[in-house]
Amino acid sequence: MIERLSAIEMAAKNELIEKEYYEKLLKTTTTPLGKSIFERLAYEEKIHYEGLKELYEEVQRDGKLPDPLPSIFKKTNIQEILETLMLNTAEIPTISKDDLENINRSMVLEGKVVIFYERLLDKTSDPGIRSLFELFVNVERKHSQFLKDIKEFLVKAMFVE
């Protein structure tokens, strides 16, 4: 049980760090599109953190992981972000070069987070924890792909200020 609790606790701390990172970017971004991107990522990391806190409490109380694991993940959808933004503004969405650089930094962060979860995955034989970390690896890869897709879209469409 200690291994499960410490693994969940490490994951929760990591998600909190990511949430705070995106909140910091949200405060410094200068464009509505940048705000939409970082707000969405901060929100998703918050949901992951809160879900892991609940999972930690459940494992602490019951001594085991629930089966199946709770669904604590939201799908990151570039199309949804762009559609919402375009509905809320008459202007073509643009993003500053600083925000684009923050997207690049965020891609690096998400790549490091994938490696973090892969290493944790390698260090546990607990099937429930392995499932949890496999899920996190996939979610963080999706975040990385989301950032890559949105950057590619913005650069190709020349929506960079």
Protein backbone atom coordinates (compact mmCIF):
# COMPACT_ATOMS: atom_id res chain seq x y z
CA MET A 1 0.00 0.00 0.00
CA ILE A 2 2.88 2.40 0.70
CA GLU A 3 4.09 2.05 -2.89
CA ARG A 4 0.63 2.87 -4.22
CA LEU A 5 0.20 5.88 -1.98
CA SER A 6 3.65 7.29 -2.70
CA ALA A 7 3.19 6.75 -6.44
CA ILE A 8 -0.15 8.56 -6.40
CA GLU A 9 1.32 11.31 -4.23
CA MET A 10 4.24 11.83 -6.67
CA ALA A 11 1.83 12.02 -9.58
CA ALA A 12 -0.40 14.51 -7.73
CA LYS A 13 2.58 16.75 -6.92
CA ASN A 14 3.64 16.64 -10.55
CA GLU A 15 0.17 17.61 -11.78
CA LEU A 16 0.11 20.50 -9.30
CA ILE A 17 3.46 21.74 -10.62
CA GLU A 18 2.13 21.58 -14.18
CA LYS A 19 -1.06 23.42 -13.18
CA GLU A 20 0.96 26.19 -11.55
CA TYR A 21 3.21 26.40 -14.62
CA TYR A 22 0.26 26.92 -16.96
CA GLU A 23 -1.35 29.41 -14.58
CA LYS A 24 1.89 31.42 -14.64
CA LEU A 25 1.87 31.40 -18.45
CA LEU A 26 -1.78 32.40 -18.39
CA LYS A 27 -0.92 35.51 -16.38
CA THR A 28 1.81 36.58 -18.81
CA THR A 29 0.18 35.76 -22.13
CA THR A 30 -0.86 38.70 -24.26
CA THR A 31 -3.38 37.23 -26.71
CA PRO A 32 -6.86 35.73 -26.29
CA LEU A 33 -5.72 32.59 -28.10
CA GLY A 34 -2.72 32.19 -25.79
CA LYS A 35 -5.02 32.68 -22.80
CA SER A 36 -7.41 30.02 -24.14
CA ILE A 37 -4.60 27.52 -24.64
CA PHE A 38 -2.96 27.96 -21.24
CA GLU A 39 -6.27 28.27 -19.41
CA ARG A 40 -7.37 24.94 -20.88
CA LEU A 41 -4.11 23.22 -19.94
CA ALA A 42 -4.16 24.68 -16.40
CA TYR A 43 -7.75 23.48 -16.01
CA GLU A 44 -6.89 19.96 -17.17
CA GLU A 45 -3.92 19.73 -14.81
CA LYS A 46 -6.18 20.92 -11.97
CA ILE A 47 -8.68 18.15 -12.77
CA HIS A 48 -5.86 15.58 -12.81
CA TYR A 49 -4.53 16.86 -9.47
CA GLU A 50 -7.96 16.82 -7.82
CA GLY A 51 -8.68 13.35 -9.19
CA LEU A 52 -5.39 12.06 -7.85
CA LYS A 53 -6.08 13.59 -4.43
CA GLU A 54 -9.42 11.76 -4.34
CA LEU A 55 -7.76 8.55 -5.52
CA TYR A 56 -5.10 8.91 -2.79
CA GLU A 57 -7.78 9.29 -0.12
CA GLU A 58 -9.70 6.31 -1.48
CA VAL A 59 -6.61 4.07 -1.51
CA GLN A 60 -5.65 5.27 1.96
CA ARG A 61 -9.16 4.48 3.23
CA ASP A 62 -9.75 1.18 1.38
CA GLY A 63 -6.18 -0.10 1.07
CA LYS A 64 -6.56 -0.78 -2.64
CA LEU A 65 -7.00 0.89 -5.99
CA PRO A 66 -10.54 1.02 -7.35
CA ASP A 67 -11.25 -1.19 -10.35
CA PRO A 68 -11.72 0.32 -12.82
CA LEU A 69 -9.66 3.43 -12.19
CA PRO A 70 -11.78 6.60 -12.09
CA SER A 71 -11.86 8.71 -15.22
CA ILE A 72 -10.10 11.94 -14.25
CA PHE A 73 -9.08 13.04 -17.71
CA LYS A 74 -10.64 15.48 -20.13
CA LYS A 75 -9.88 15.42 -23.83
CA THR A 76 -7.76 18.32 -25.07
CA ASN A 77 -9.24 19.44 -28.35
CA ILE A 78 -7.54 22.09 -30.48
CA GLN A 79 -10.64 22.44 -32.65
CA GLU A 80 -12.82 23.17 -29.61
CA ILE A 81 -10.47 25.91 -28.39
CA LEU A 82 -10.29 27.57 -31.80
CA GLU A 83 -14.05 27.34 -32.38
CA THR A 84 -14.81 28.83 -28.97
CA LEU A 85 -12.39 31.65 -29.57
CA MET A 86 -13.72 32.38 -33.04
CA LEU A 87 -17.30 32.46 -31.75
CA ASN A 88 -16.32 34.96 -29.06
CA THR A 89 -14.42 37.38 -31.28
CA ALA A 90 -14.86 38.93 -34.70
CA GLU A 91 -11.09 39.04 -35.19
CA ILE A 92 -8.89 36.33 -36.67
CA PRO A 93 -7.12 34.65 -33.75
CA THR A 94 -3.46 35.56 -33.45
CA ILE A 95 -0.76 34.65 -31.01
CA SER A 96 2.33 36.61 -30.05
CA LYS A 97 5.87 35.36 -30.62
CA ASP A 98 6.27 35.25 -26.83
CA ASP A 99 3.20 33.04 -26.52
CA LEU A 100 4.51 30.84 -29.32
CA GLU A 101 7.78 30.50 -27.40
CA ASN A 102 5.74 29.54 -24.32
CA ILE A 103 4.06 26.85 -26.40
CA ASN A 104 7.54 25.58 -27.35
CA ARG A 105 8.58 25.55 -23.67
CA SER A 106 5.35 23.77 -22.78
CA MET A 107 6.06 21.09 -25.39
CA VAL A 108 9.43 20.50 -23.72
CA LEU A 109 7.76 20.34 -20.30
CA GLU A 110 5.17 17.83 -21.46
CA GLY A 111 7.94 15.70 -22.99
CA LYS A 112 9.76 15.69 -19.64
CA VAL A 113 6.54 14.76 -17.86
CA VAL A 114 6.08 11.78 -20.20
CA ILE A 115 9.60 10.63 -19.31
CA PHE A 116 8.82 11.16 -15.59
CA TYR A 117 5.77 8.88 -15.78
CA GLU A 118 7.60 6.32 -17.94
CA ARG A 119 10.33 6.11 -15.28
CA LEU A 120 7.75 5.68 -12.54
CA LEU A 121 6.09 3.03 -14.67
CA ASP A 122 9.38 1.16 -14.92
CA LYS A 123 9.82 1.25 -11.13
CA THR A 124 6.57 -0.44 -10.16
CA SER A 125 5.26 -3.94 -10.56
CA ASP A 126 1.85 -3.09 -9.07
CA PRO A 127 -0.65 -3.68 -11.92
CA GLY A 128 -3.02 -0.93 -10.73
CA ILE A 129 -0.26 1.67 -10.47
CA ARG A 130 1.13 0.54 -13.83
CA SER A 131 -2.32 1.15 -15.35
CA LEU A 132 -2.46 4.58 -13.73
CA PHE A 133 0.96 5.59 -15.04
CA GLU A 134 0.23 4.19 -18.50
CA LEU A 135 -2.86 6.38 -18.51
CA PHE A 136 -0.79 9.41 -17.50
CA VAL A 137 1.83 8.72 -20.15
CA ASN A 138 -0.92 8.71 -22.77
CA VAL A 139 -2.58 11.87 -21.42
CA GLU A 140 0.69 13.80 -21.27
CA ARG A 141 1.55 12.63 -24.79
CA LYS A 142 -1.83 14.01 -25.90
CA HIS A 143 -1.01 17.35 -24.24
CA SER A 144 2.30 17.40 -26.10
CA GLN A 145 0.57 16.53 -29.38
CA PHE A 146 -2.07 19.21 -28.74
CA LEU A 147 0.63 21.83 -28.33
CA LYS A 148 2.45 20.57 -31.42
CA ASP A 149 -0.79 20.63 -33.46
CA ILE A 150 -1.80 24.10 -32.37
CA LYS A 151 1.69 25.47 -33.04
CA GLU A 152 1.73 23.91 -36.49
CA PHE A 153 -1.74 25.27 -37.25
CA LEU A 154 -0.85 28.79 -36.10
CA VAL A 155 2.44 28.89 -37.98
CA LYS A 156 0.94 27.51 -41.20
CA ALA A 157 -2.04 29.87 -41.00
CA MET A 158 0.35 32.72 -40.15
CA PHE A 159 -1.66 33.71 -37.09
CA VAL A 160 1.53 34.72 -35.32
CA GLU A 161 1.84 38.45 -34.60
